[in-house]
Amino acid sequence: MNETIDRLDAPTHYSLSEAEAARLESTLATIADRTRLRILSIALRAEDEPVCACKLVPELGLTQPTVSYHLKQLAQAGLLEREPRGAFTFYRLVPGALEQVAEFARALDEVAREGSNG
């Protein structure tokens, strides 16, 4: 029998329900933007320290309304938490918010490695 079909019938280490797939799709759609990826990388670089939105404008080289729009998208997706401090707003990564994306990427990588070894 065809090896590809046999692998599709084999039990998998990672499987998504419809709801999980929808949630993952939404998260991936949100982060599939170069500005949002850069914002996430800045937040990651800051580790657990919140980053002031005012610091992102010069670092990204974008206007304040554009940066605010992308921050809002990331916050609404549950990836960043927002912390108002007087006239400024600070953002930090939500712990575990990208765990499903990381698990899915690890599963894809594992399957790809198994396929290249077999």
PDB file of N, CA and C in Angstrom:
ATOM      1  N   MET A   1       0.840  -1.184   0.000  1.00  0.00           N
ATOM      2  CA  MET A   1       0.000   0.000   0.000  1.00  0.00           C
ATOM      3  C   MET A   1       0.884   1.246   0.000  1.00  0.00           C
ATOM      4  N   ASN A   2       0.332   2.357  -0.414  1.00  0.00           N
ATOM      5  CA  ASN A   2       1.043   3.615  -0.481  1.00  0.00           C
ATOM      6  C   ASN A   2       1.456   4.056   0.928  1.00  0.00           C
ATOM      7  N   GLU A   3       2.754   4.351   1.108  1.00  0.00           N
ATOM      8  CA  GLU A   3       3.277   4.727   2.426  1.00  0.00           C
ATOM      9  C   GLU A   3       2.639   6.001   2.956  1.00  0.00           C
ATOM     10  N   THR A   4       2.346   6.963   2.080  1.00  0.00           N
ATOM     11  CA  THR A   4       1.715   8.213   2.509  1.00  0.00           C
ATOM     12  C   THR A   4       0.341   7.942   3.098  1.00  0.00           C
ATOM     13  N   ILE A   5      -0.437   7.104   2.461  1.00  0.00           N
ATOM     14  CA  ILE A   5      -1.774   6.771   2.973  1.00  0.00           C
ATOM     15  C   ILE A   5      -1.648   6.028   4.293  1.00  0.00           C
ATOM     16  N   ASP A   6      -0.690   5.111   4.406  1.00  0.00           N
ATOM     17  CA  ASP A   6      -0.477   4.402   5.666  1.00  0.00           C
ATOM     18  C   ASP A   6      -0.175   5.378   6.796  1.00  0.00           C
ATOM     19  N   ARG A   7       0.644   6.388   6.530  1.00  0.00           N
ATOM     20  CA  ARG A   7       0.989   7.374   7.569  1.00  0.00           C
ATOM     21  C   ARG A   7      -0.239   8.185   7.971  1.00  0.00           C
ATOM     22  N   LEU A   8      -1.135   8.476   7.036  1.00  0.00           N
ATOM     23  CA  LEU A   8      -2.349   9.229   7.374  1.00  0.00           C
ATOM     24  C   LEU A   8      -3.266   8.416   8.275  1.00  0.00           C
ATOM     25  N   ASP A   9      -3.261   7.104   8.119  1.00  0.00           N
ATOM     26  CA  ASP A   9      -4.090   6.237   8.949  1.00  0.00           C
ATOM     27  C   ASP A   9      -3.460   5.950  10.309  1.00  0.00           C
ATOM     28  N   ALA A  10      -2.168   6.175  10.432  1.00  0.00           N
ATOM     29  CA  ALA A  10      -1.469   5.871  11.684  1.00  0.00           C
ATOM     30  C   ALA A  10      -1.872   6.869  12.767  1.00  0.00           C
ATOM     31  N   PRO A  11      -1.839   6.435  14.037  1.00  0.00           N
ATOM     32  CA  PRO A  11      -2.142   7.372  15.120  1.00  0.00           C
ATOM     33  C   PRO A  11      -1.126   8.504  15.111  1.00  0.00           C
ATOM     34  N   THR A  12      -1.575   9.694  15.411  1.00  0.00           N
ATOM     35  CA  THR A  12      -0.695  10.857  15.391  1.00  0.00           C
ATOM     36  C   THR A  12      -0.392  11.314  16.814  1.00  0.00           C
ATOM     37  N   HIS A  13       0.750  11.948  16.965  1.00  0.00           N
ATOM     38  CA  HIS A  13       1.152  12.474  18.267  1.00  0.00           C
ATOM     39  C   HIS A  13       0.414  13.766  18.567  1.00  0.00           C
ATOM     40  N   TYR A  14      -0.110  14.410  17.564  1.00  0.00           N
ATOM     41  CA  TYR A  14      -0.711  15.723  17.735  1.00  0.00           C
ATOM     42  C   TYR A  14      -1.948  15.811  16.867  1.00  0.00           C
ATOM     43  N   SER A  15      -3.054  16.144  17.462  1.00  0.00           N
ATOM     44  CA  SER A  15      -4.294  16.257  16.711  1.00  0.00           C
ATOM     45  C   SER A  15      -5.078  17.452  17.229  1.00  0.00           C
ATOM     46  N   LEU A  16      -5.687  18.191  16.323  1.00  0.00           N
ATOM     47  CA  LEU A  16      -6.463  19.382  16.688  1.00  0.00           C
ATOM     48  C   LEU A  16      -7.952  19.118  16.538  1.00  0.00           C
ATOM     49  N   SER A  17      -8.717  19.550  17.520  1.00  0.00           N
ATOM     50  CA  SER A  17     -10.171  19.547  17.375  1.00  0.00           C
ATOM     51  C   SER A  17     -10.544  20.741  16.494  1.00  0.00           C
ATOM     52  N   GLU A  18     -11.776  20.813  16.092  1.00  0.00           N
ATOM     53  CA  GLU A  18     -12.241  21.949  15.275  1.00  0.00           C
ATOM     54  C   GLU A  18     -12.040  23.269  16.033  1.00  0.00           C
ATOM     55  N   ALA A  19     -12.380  23.274  17.318  1.00  0.00           N
ATOM     56  CA  ALA A  19     -12.241  24.497  18.132  1.00  0.00           C
ATOM     57  C   ALA A  19     -10.774  24.889  18.290  1.00  0.00           C
ATOM     58  N   GLU A  20      -9.909  23.901  18.515  1.00  0.00           N
ATOM     59  CA  GLU A  20      -8.475  24.184  18.651  1.00  0.00           C
ATOM     60  C   GLU A  20      -7.900  24.705  17.338  1.00  0.00           C
ATOM     61  N   ALA A  21      -8.331  24.118  16.227  1.00  0.00           N
ATOM     62  CA  ALA A  21      -7.860  24.568  14.912  1.00  0.00           C
ATOM     63  C   ALA A  21      -8.301  26.001  14.649  1.00  0.00           C
ATOM     64  N   ALA A  22      -9.523  26.335  15.025  1.00  0.00           N
ATOM     65  CA  ALA A  22     -10.031  27.706  14.833  1.00  0.00           C
ATOM     66  C   ALA A  22      -9.230  28.699  15.679  1.00  0.00           C
ATOM     67  N   ARG A  23      -8.937  28.312  16.927  1.00  0.00           N
ATOM     68  CA  ARG A  23      -8.170  29.193  17.821  1.00  0.00           C
ATOM     69  C   ARG A  23      -6.747  29.378  17.282  1.00  0.00           C
ATOM     70  N   LEU A  24      -6.134  28.278  16.831  1.00  0.00           N
ATOM     71  CA  LEU A  24      -4.782  28.354  16.275  1.00  0.00           C
ATOM     72  C   LEU A  24      -4.773  29.194  15.007  1.00  0.00           C
ATOM     73  N   GLU A  25      -5.778  29.012  14.157  1.00  0.00           N
ATOM     74  CA  GLU A  25      -5.888  29.800  12.923  1.00  0.00           C
ATOM     75  C   GLU A  25      -5.959  31.287  13.250  1.00  0.00           C
ATOM     76  N   SER A  26      -6.757  31.644  14.236  1.00  0.00           N
ATOM     77  CA  SER A  26      -6.906  33.043  14.627  1.00  0.00           C
ATOM     78  C   SER A  26      -5.584  33.616  15.147  1.00  0.00           C
ATOM     79  N   THR A  27      -4.902  32.850  15.981  1.00  0.00           N
ATOM     80  CA  THR A  27      -3.616  33.311  16.515  1.00  0.00           C
ATOM     81  C   THR A  27      -2.593  33.470  15.404  1.00  0.00           C
ATOM     82  N   LEU A  28      -2.508  32.480  14.526  1.00  0.00           N
ATOM     83  CA  LEU A  28      -1.546  32.565  13.415  1.00  0.00           C
ATOM     84  C   LEU A  28      -1.871  33.738  12.492  1.00  0.00           C
ATOM     85  N   ALA A  29      -3.157  33.975  12.242  1.00  0.00           N
ATOM     86  CA  ALA A  29      -3.538  35.110  11.398  1.00  0.00           C
ATOM     87  C   ALA A  29      -3.120  36.432  12.044  1.00  0.00           C
ATOM     88  N   THR A  30      -3.237  36.504  13.355  1.00  0.00           N
ATOM     89  CA  THR A  30      -2.853  37.730  14.064  1.00  0.00           C
ATOM     90  C   THR A  30      -1.348  37.960  13.994  1.00  0.00           C
ATOM     91  N   ILE A  31      -0.564  36.916  14.186  1.00  0.00           N
ATOM     92  CA  ILE A  31       0.891  37.120  14.214  1.00  0.00           C
ATOM     93  C   ILE A  31       1.523  37.091  12.824  1.00  0.00           C
ATOM     94  N   ALA A  32       0.758  36.753  11.808  1.00  0.00           N
ATOM     95  CA  ALA A  32       1.293  36.682  10.443  1.00  0.00           C
ATOM     96  C   ALA A  32       1.380  38.073   9.826  1.00  0.00           C
ATOM     97  N   ASP A  33       2.086  38.934  10.502  1.00  0.00           N
ATOM     98  CA  ASP A  33       2.265  40.318  10.067  1.00  0.00           C
ATOM     99  C   ASP A  33       3.653  40.738  10.561  1.00  0.00           C
ATOM    100  N   ARG A  34       4.455  41.291   9.691  1.00  0.00           N
ATOM    101  CA  ARG A  34       5.842  41.593  10.075  1.00  0.00           C
ATOM    102  C   ARG A  34       5.938  42.588  11.222  1.00  0.00           C
ATOM    103  N   THR A  35       5.033  43.573  11.274  1.00  0.00           N
ATOM    104  CA  THR A  35       5.073  44.535  12.379  1.00  0.00           C
ATOM    105  C   THR A  35       4.723  43.851  13.691  1.00  0.00           C
ATOM    106  N   ARG A  36       3.701  43.012  13.689  1.00  0.00           N
ATOM    107  CA  ARG A  36       3.304  42.311  14.916  1.00  0.00           C
ATOM    108  C   ARG A  36       4.380  41.329  15.349  1.00  0.00           C
ATOM    109  N   LEU A  37       5.030  40.683  14.400  1.00  0.00           N
ATOM    110  CA  LEU A  37       6.141  39.800  14.749  1.00  0.00           C
ATOM    111  C   LEU A  37       7.277  40.586  15.394  1.00  0.00           C
ATOM    112  N   ARG A  38       7.546  41.762  14.875  1.00  0.00           N
ATOM    113  CA  ARG A  38       8.593  42.601  15.459  1.00  0.00           C
ATOM    114  C   ARG A  38       8.217  43.063  16.861  1.00  0.00           C
ATOM    115  N   ILE A  39       6.943  43.423  17.056  1.00  0.00           N
ATOM    116  CA  ILE A  39       6.476  43.819  18.393  1.00  0.00           C
ATOM    117  C   ILE A  39       6.630  42.649  19.365  1.00  0.00           C
ATOM    118  N   LEU A  40       6.231  41.463  18.935  1.00  0.00           N
ATOM    119  CA  LEU A  40       6.373  40.290  19.797  1.00  0.00           C
ATOM    120  C   LEU A  40       7.844  40.014  20.105  1.00  0.00           C
ATOM    121  N   SER A  41       8.725  40.202  19.129  1.00  0.00           N
ATOM    122  CA  SER A  41      10.148  39.957  19.381  1.00  0.00           C
ATOM    123  C   SER A  41      10.720  40.976  20.364  1.00  0.00           C
ATOM    124  N   ILE A  42      10.236  42.211  20.305  1.00  0.00           N
ATOM    125  CA  ILE A  42      10.669  43.239  21.263  1.00  0.00           C
ATOM    126  C   ILE A  42      10.173  42.874  22.664  1.00  0.00           C
ATOM    127  N   ALA A  43       8.926  42.444  22.756  1.00  0.00           N
ATOM    128  CA  ALA A  43       8.382  42.029  24.055  1.00  0.00           C
ATOM    129  C   ALA A  43       9.135  40.816  24.589  1.00  0.00           C
ATOM    130  N   LEU A  44       9.499  39.912  23.706  1.00  0.00           N
ATOM    131  CA  LEU A  44      10.260  38.725  24.099  1.00  0.00           C
ATOM    132  C   LEU A  44      11.639  39.130  24.603  1.00  0.00           C
ATOM    133  N   ARG A  45      12.268  40.047  23.904  1.00  0.00           N
ATOM    134  CA  ARG A  45      13.599  40.531  24.296  1.00  0.00           C
ATOM    135  C   ARG A  45      13.559  41.203  25.669  1.00  0.00           C
ATOM    136  N   ALA A  46      12.425  41.838  25.987  1.00  0.00           N
ATOM    137  CA  ALA A  46      12.270  42.530  27.272  1.00  0.00           C
ATOM    138  C   ALA A  46      12.025  41.557  28.413  1.00  0.00           C
ATOM    139  N   GLU A  47      11.846  40.275  28.055  1.00  0.00           N
ATOM    140  CA  GLU A  47      11.540  39.214  29.006  1.00  0.00           C
ATOM    141  C   GLU A  47      10.256  39.551  29.744  1.00  0.00           C
ATOM    142  N   ASP A  48      10.276  39.654  31.055  1.00  0.00           N
ATOM    143  CA  ASP A  48       9.031  39.883  31.802  1.00  0.00           C
ATOM    144  C   ASP A  48       8.761  41.368  32.056  1.00  0.00           C
ATOM    145  N   GLU A  49       9.646  42.217  31.588  1.00  0.00           N
ATOM    146  CA  GLU A  49       9.465  43.656  31.799  1.00  0.00           C
ATOM    147  C   GLU A  49       8.486  44.229  30.783  1.00  0.00           C
ATOM    148  N   PRO A  50       7.535  45.034  31.215  1.00  0.00           N
ATOM    149  CA  PRO A  50       6.623  45.653  30.253  1.00  0.00           C
ATOM    150  C   PRO A  50       7.354  46.682  29.383  1.00  0.00           C
ATOM    151  N   VAL A  51       6.881  46.832  28.166  1.00  0.00           N
ATOM    152  CA  VAL A  51       7.478  47.765  27.201  1.00  0.00           C
ATOM    153  C   VAL A  51       6.491  48.891  26.965  1.00  0.00           C
ATOM    154  N   CYS A  52       6.964  50.120  27.074  1.00  0.00           N
ATOM    155  CA  CYS A  52       6.109  51.283  26.825  1.00  0.00           C
ATOM    156  C   CYS A  52       5.847  51.400  25.321  1.00  0.00           C
ATOM    157  N   ALA A  53       4.582  51.637  24.992  1.00  0.00           N
ATOM    158  CA  ALA A  53       4.215  51.823  23.581  1.00  0.00           C
ATOM    159  C   ALA A  53       5.019  52.964  22.972  1.00  0.00           C
ATOM    160  N   CYS A  54       5.342  53.961  23.780  1.00  0.00           N
ATOM    161  CA  CYS A  54       6.098  55.108  23.279  1.00  0.00           C
ATOM    162  C   CYS A  54       7.500  54.715  22.800  1.00  0.00           C
ATOM    163  N   LYS A  55       8.066  53.639  23.332  1.00  0.00           N
ATOM    164  CA  LYS A  55       9.391  53.169  22.913  1.00  0.00           C
ATOM    165  C   LYS A  55       9.324  52.389  21.596  1.00  0.00           C
ATOM    166  N   LEU A  56       8.141  51.853  21.281  1.00  0.00           N
ATOM    167  CA  LEU A  56       7.995  51.060  20.061  1.00  0.00           C
ATOM    168  C   LEU A  56       7.977  51.923  18.800  1.00  0.00           C
ATOM    169  N   VAL A  57       7.437  53.127  18.908  1.00  0.00           N
ATOM    170  CA  VAL A  57       7.319  53.999  17.732  1.00  0.00           C
ATOM    171  C   VAL A  57       8.681  54.240  17.081  1.00  0.00           C
ATOM    172  N   PRO A  58       9.685  54.724  17.823  1.00  0.00           N
ATOM    173  CA  PRO A  58      10.979  54.940  17.160  1.00  0.00           C
ATOM    174  C   PRO A  58      11.679  53.630  16.773  1.00  0.00           C
ATOM    175  N   GLU A  59      11.527  52.602  17.596  1.00  0.00           N
ATOM    176  CA  GLU A  59      12.210  51.341  17.287  1.00  0.00           C
ATOM    177  C   GLU A  59      11.664  50.699  16.019  1.00  0.00           C
ATOM    178  N   LEU A  60      10.351  50.817  15.819  1.00  0.00           N
ATOM    179  CA  LEU A  60       9.733  50.227  14.628  1.00  0.00           C
ATOM    180  C   LEU A  60       9.785  51.165  13.424  1.00  0.00           C
ATOM    181  N   GLY A  61       9.993  52.464  13.689  1.00  0.00           N
ATOM    182  CA  GLY A  61      10.023  53.433  12.594  1.00  0.00           C
ATOM    183  C   GLY A  61       8.655  53.651  11.966  1.00  0.00           C
ATOM    184  N   LEU A  62       7.618  53.508  12.783  1.00  0.00           N
ATOM    185  CA  LEU A  62       6.242  53.671  12.309  1.00  0.00           C
ATOM    186  C   LEU A  62       5.556  54.781  13.094  1.00  0.00           C
ATOM    187  N   THR A  63       4.428  55.235  12.602  1.00  0.00           N
ATOM    188  CA  THR A  63       3.690  56.275  13.308  1.00  0.00           C
ATOM    189  C   THR A  63       2.996  55.689  14.536  1.00  0.00           C
ATOM    190  N   GLN A  64       2.683  56.551  15.485  1.00  0.00           N
ATOM    191  CA  GLN A  64       2.026  56.110  16.717  1.00  0.00           C
ATOM    192  C   GLN A  64       0.677  55.449  16.445  1.00  0.00           C
ATOM    193  N   PRO A  65      -0.176  55.994  15.541  1.00  0.00           N
ATOM    194  CA  PRO A  65      -1.449  55.309  15.276  1.00  0.00           C
ATOM    195  C   PRO A  65      -1.264  53.901  14.692  1.00  0.00           C
ATOM    196  N   THR A  66      -0.246  53.717  13.850  1.00  0.00           N
ATOM    197  CA  THR A  66       0.012  52.405  13.272  1.00  0.00           C
ATOM    198  C   THR A  66       0.464  51.423  14.344  1.00  0.00           C
ATOM    199  N   VAL A  67       1.370  51.845  15.208  1.00  0.00           N
ATOM    200  CA  VAL A  67       1.838  50.982  16.297  1.00  0.00           C
ATOM    201  C   VAL A  67       0.669  50.648  17.230  1.00  0.00           C
ATOM    202  N   SER A  68      -0.143  51.643  17.562  1.00  0.00           N
ATOM    203  CA  SER A  68      -1.301  51.414  18.434  1.00  0.00           C
ATOM    204  C   SER A  68      -2.266  50.399  17.832  1.00  0.00           C
ATOM    205  N   TYR A  69      -2.484  50.479  16.532  1.00  0.00           N
ATOM    206  CA  TYR A  69      -3.372  49.526  15.857  1.00  0.00           C
ATOM    207  C   TYR A  69      -2.855  48.095  16.030  1.00  0.00           C
ATOM    208  N   HIS A  70      -1.560  47.900  15.800  1.00  0.00           N
ATOM    209  CA  HIS A  70      -0.986  46.559  15.901  1.00  0.00           C
ATOM    210  C   HIS A  70      -0.974  46.066  17.350  1.00  0.00           C
ATOM    211  N   LEU A  71      -0.706  46.947  18.294  1.00  0.00           N
ATOM    212  CA  LEU A  71      -0.763  46.577  19.706  1.00  0.00           C
ATOM    213  C   LEU A  71      -2.176  46.149  20.098  1.00  0.00           C
ATOM    214  N   LYS A  72      -3.165  46.873  19.592  1.00  0.00           N
ATOM    215  CA  LYS A  72      -4.564  46.531  19.882  1.00  0.00           C
ATOM    216  C   LYS A  72      -4.899  45.142  19.337  1.00  0.00           C
ATOM    217  N   GLN A  73      -4.449  44.832  18.128  1.00  0.00           N
ATOM    218  CA  GLN A  73      -4.705  43.520  17.533  1.00  0.00           C
ATOM    219  C   GLN A  73      -4.085  42.407  18.384  1.00  0.00           C
ATOM    220  N   LEU A  74      -2.860  42.620  18.826  1.00  0.00           N
ATOM    221  CA  LEU A  74      -2.168  41.621  19.639  1.00  0.00           C
ATOM    222  C   LEU A  74      -2.825  41.463  21.016  1.00  0.00           C
ATOM    223  N   ALA A  75      -3.261  42.572  21.586  1.00  0.00           N
ATOM    224  CA  ALA A  75      -3.933  42.513  22.893  1.00  0.00           C
ATOM    225  C   ALA A  75      -5.297  41.830  22.775  1.00  0.00           C
ATOM    226  N   GLN A  76      -6.057  42.147  21.734  1.00  0.00           N
ATOM    227  CA  GLN A  76      -7.366  41.521  21.545  1.00  0.00           C
ATOM    228  C   GLN A  76      -7.251  40.019  21.300  1.00  0.00           C
ATOM    229  N   ALA A  77      -6.138  39.596  20.718  1.00  0.00           N
ATOM    230  CA  ALA A  77      -5.905  38.175  20.467  1.00  0.00           C
ATOM    231  C   ALA A  77      -5.414  37.460  21.727  1.00  0.00           C
ATOM    232  N   GLY A  78      -5.194  38.216  22.797  1.00  0.00           N
ATOM    233  CA  GLY A  78      -4.745  37.614  24.046  1.00  0.00           C
ATOM    234  C   GLY A  78      -3.257  37.331  24.101  1.00  0.00           C
ATOM    235  N   LEU A  79      -2.487  37.967  23.225  1.00  0.00           N
ATOM    236  CA  LEU A  79      -1.048  37.732  23.177  1.00  0.00           C
ATOM    237  C   LEU A  79      -0.257  38.732  24.022  1.00  0.00           C
ATOM    238  N   LEU A  80      -0.784  39.932  24.141  1.00  0.00           N
ATOM    239  CA  LEU A  80      -0.158  40.964  24.969  1.00  0.00           C
ATOM    240  C   LEU A  80      -1.154  41.432  26.019  1.00  0.00           C
ATOM    241  N   GLU A  81      -0.637  41.730  27.211  1.00  0.00           N
ATOM    242  CA  GLU A  81      -1.494  42.367  28.204  1.00  0.00           C
ATOM    243  C   GLU A  81      -1.111  43.833  28.278  1.00  0.00           C
ATOM    244  N   ARG A  82      -2.124  44.635  28.496  1.00  0.00           N
ATOM    245  CA  ARG A  82      -2.015  46.085  28.473  1.00  0.00           C
ATOM    246  C   ARG A  82      -2.028  46.592  29.899  1.00  0.00           C
ATOM    247  N   GLU A  83      -1.135  47.536  30.202  1.00  0.00           N
ATOM    248  CA  GLU A  83      -1.037  48.089  31.551  1.00  0.00           C
ATOM    249  C   GLU A  83      -0.920  49.616  31.463  1.00  0.00           C
ATOM    250  N   PRO A  84      -2.041  50.331  31.622  1.00  0.00           N
ATOM    251  CA  PRO A  84      -1.973  51.795  31.605  1.00  0.00           C
ATOM    252  C   PRO A  84      -1.232  52.317  32.843  1.00  0.00           C
ATOM    253  N   ARG A  85      -0.370  53.285  32.604  1.00  0.00           N
ATOM    254  CA  ARG A  85       0.362  53.948  33.697  1.00  0.00           C
ATOM    255  C   ARG A  85       0.348  55.440  33.410  1.00  0.00           C
ATOM    256  N   GLY A  86      -0.621  56.120  33.962  1.00  0.00           N
ATOM    257  CA  GLY A  86      -0.752  57.555  33.702  1.00  0.00           C
ATOM    258  C   GLY A  86      -1.040  57.789  32.228  1.00  0.00           C
ATOM    259  N   ALA A  87      -0.199  58.602  31.579  1.00  0.00           N
ATOM    260  CA  ALA A  87      -0.400  58.936  30.172  1.00  0.00           C
ATOM    261  C   ALA A  87       0.166  57.870  29.234  1.00  0.00           C
ATOM    262  N   PHE A  88       0.857  56.878  29.779  1.00  0.00           N
ATOM    263  CA  PHE A  88       1.515  55.873  28.955  1.00  0.00           C
ATOM    264  C   PHE A  88       0.864  54.501  29.136  1.00  0.00           C
ATOM    265  N   THR A  89       1.036  53.676  28.119  1.00  0.00           N
ATOM    266  CA  THR A  89       0.546  52.302  28.192  1.00  0.00           C
ATOM    267  C   THR A  89       1.717  51.371  27.947  1.00  0.00           C
ATOM    268  N   PHE A  90       1.816  50.371  28.806  1.00  0.00           N
ATOM    269  CA  PHE A  90       2.885  49.383  28.716  1.00  0.00           C
ATOM    270  C   PHE A  90       2.285  48.039  28.317  1.00  0.00           C
ATOM    271  N   TYR A  91       3.072  47.248  27.620  1.00  0.00           N
ATOM    272  CA  TYR A  91       2.620  45.936  27.136  1.00  0.00           C
ATOM    273  C   TYR A  91       3.651  44.882  27.495  1.00  0.00           C
ATOM    274  N   ARG A  92       3.157  43.679  27.752  1.00  0.00           N
ATOM    275  CA  ARG A  92       4.030  42.532  27.979  1.00  0.00           C
ATOM    276  C   ARG A  92       3.355  41.297  27.407  1.00  0.00           C
ATOM    277  N   LEU A  93       4.156  40.288  27.116  1.00  0.00           N
ATOM    278  CA  LEU A  93       3.622  39.024  26.611  1.00  0.00           C
ATOM    279  C   LEU A  93       2.767  38.359  27.683  1.00  0.00           C
ATOM    280  N   VAL A  94       1.659  37.775  27.266  1.00  0.00           N
ATOM    281  CA  VAL A  94       0.836  36.987  28.179  1.00  0.00           C
ATOM    282  C   VAL A  94       1.509  35.623  28.321  1.00  0.00           C
ATOM    283  N   PRO A  95       1.850  35.226  29.552  1.00  0.00           N
ATOM    284  CA  PRO A  95       2.512  33.923  29.726  1.00  0.00           C
ATOM    285  C   PRO A  95       1.673  32.788  29.134  1.00  0.00           C
ATOM    286  N   GLY A  96       2.312  31.960  28.327  1.00  0.00           N
ATOM    287  CA  GLY A  96       1.650  30.803  27.739  1.00  0.00           C
ATOM    288  C   GLY A  96       0.754  31.092  26.554  1.00  0.00           C
ATOM    289  N   ALA A  97       0.646  32.352  26.144  1.00  0.00           N
ATOM    290  CA  ALA A  97      -0.278  32.715  25.067  1.00  0.00           C
ATOM    291  C   ALA A  97       0.084  32.074  23.733  1.00  0.00           C
ATOM    292  N   LEU A  98       1.344  31.807  23.531  1.00  0.00           N
ATOM    293  CA  LEU A  98       1.778  31.225  22.260  1.00  0.00           C
ATOM    294  C   LEU A  98       2.119  29.738  22.391  1.00  0.00           C
ATOM    295  N   GLU A  99       1.723  29.125  23.501  1.00  0.00           N
ATOM    296  CA  GLU A  99       2.052  27.718  23.723  1.00  0.00           C
ATOM    297  C   GLU A  99       1.450  26.812  22.651  1.00  0.00           C
ATOM    298  N   GLN A 100       0.207  27.073  22.246  1.00  0.00           N
ATOM    299  CA  GLN A 100      -0.420  26.220  21.227  1.00  0.00           C
ATOM    300  C   GLN A 100       0.330  26.332  19.896  1.00  0.00           C
ATOM    301  N   VAL A 101       0.771  27.532  19.553  1.00  0.00           N
ATOM    302  CA  VAL A 101       1.546  27.726  18.327  1.00  0.00           C
ATOM    303  C   VAL A 101       2.869  26.963  18.435  1.00  0.00           C
ATOM    304  N   ALA A 102       3.518  27.059  19.602  1.00  0.00           N
ATOM    305  CA  ALA A 102       4.794  26.369  19.801  1.00  0.00           C
ATOM    306  C   ALA A 102       4.619  24.854  19.732  1.00  0.00           C
ATOM    307  N   GLU A 103       3.568  24.326  20.358  1.00  0.00           N
ATOM    308  CA  GLU A 103       3.317  22.886  20.319  1.00  0.00           C
ATOM    309  C   GLU A 103       3.074  22.404  18.899  1.00  0.00           C
ATOM    310  N   PHE A 104       2.294  23.175  18.149  1.00  0.00           N
ATOM    311  CA  PHE A 104       1.995  22.809  16.770  1.00  0.00           C
ATOM    312  C   PHE A 104       3.264  22.831  15.923  1.00  0.00           C
ATOM    313  N   ALA A 105       4.092  23.860  16.097  1.00  0.00           N
ATOM    314  CA  ALA A 105       5.350  23.960  15.346  1.00  0.00           C
ATOM    315  C   ALA A 105       6.280  22.796  15.695  1.00  0.00           C
ATOM    316  N   ARG A 106       6.345  22.430  16.988  1.00  0.00           N
ATOM    317  CA  ARG A 106       7.178  21.292  17.386  1.00  0.00           C
ATOM    318  C   ARG A 106       6.673  20.004  16.742  1.00  0.00           C
ATOM    319  N   ALA A 107       5.346  19.823  16.710  1.00  0.00           N
ATOM    320  CA  ALA A 107       4.773  18.615  16.106  1.00  0.00           C
ATOM    321  C   ALA A 107       5.082  18.560  14.613  1.00  0.00           C
ATOM    322  N   LEU A 108       4.955  19.687  13.926  1.00  0.00           N
ATOM    323  CA  LEU A 108       5.286  19.733  12.498  1.00  0.00           C
ATOM    324  C   LEU A 108       6.751  19.408  12.263  1.00  0.00           C
ATOM    325  N   ASP A 109       7.606  19.979  13.103  1.00  0.00           N
ATOM    326  CA  ASP A 109       9.038  19.740  12.966  1.00  0.00           C
ATOM    327  C   ASP A 109       9.358  18.265  13.210  1.00  0.00           C
ATOM    328  N   GLU A 110       8.715  17.675  14.212  1.00  0.00           N
ATOM    329  CA  GLU A 110       8.949  16.259  14.526  1.00  0.00           C
ATOM    330  C   GLU A 110       8.571  15.375  13.345  1.00  0.00           C
ATOM    331  N   VAL A 111       7.416  15.649  12.747  1.00  0.00           N
ATOM    332  CA  VAL A 111       6.968  14.866  11.602  1.00  0.00           C
ATOM    333  C   VAL A 111       7.921  15.061  10.418  1.00  0.00           C
ATOM    334  N   ALA A 112       8.357  16.285  10.205  1.00  0.00           N
ATOM    335  CA  ALA A 112       9.283  16.561   9.102  1.00  0.00           C
ATOM    336  C   ALA A 112      10.608  15.820   9.311  1.00  0.00           C
ATOM    337  N   ARG A 113      11.096  15.802  10.552  1.00  0.00           N
ATOM    338  CA  ARG A 113      12.355  15.103  10.841  1.00  0.00           C
ATOM    339  C   ARG A 113      12.194  13.594  10.659  1.00  0.00           C
ATOM    340  N   GLU A 114      11.063  13.053  11.111  1.00  0.00           N
ATOM    341  CA  GLU A 114      10.801  11.616  10.931  1.00  0.00           C
ATOM    342  C   GLU A 114      10.734  11.279   9.442  1.00  0.00           C
ATOM    343  N   GLY A 115      10.090  12.156   8.669  1.00  0.00           N
ATOM    344  CA  GLY A 115       9.961  11.926   7.228  1.00  0.00           C
ATOM    345  C   GLY A 115      11.302  11.966   6.520  1.00  0.00           C
ATOM    346  N   SER A 116      12.200  12.832   6.960  1.00  0.00           N
ATOM    347  CA  SER A 116      13.508  12.931   6.308  1.00  0.00           C
ATOM    348  C   SER A 116      14.435  11.802   6.721  1.00  0.00           C
ATOM    349  N   ASN A 117      14.122  11.152   7.830  1.00  0.00           N
ATOM    350  CA  ASN A 117      14.945  10.010   8.290  1.00  0.00           C
ATOM    351  C   ASN A 117      14.419   8.670   7.779  1.00  0.00           C
ATOM    352  N   GLY A 118      13.189   8.672   7.280  1.00  0.00           N
ATOM    353  CA  GLY A 118      12.571   7.404   6.906  1.00  0.00           C
ATOM    354  C   GLY A 118      12.645   7.162   5.472  1.00  0.00           C
TER     355      GLY A 118
END
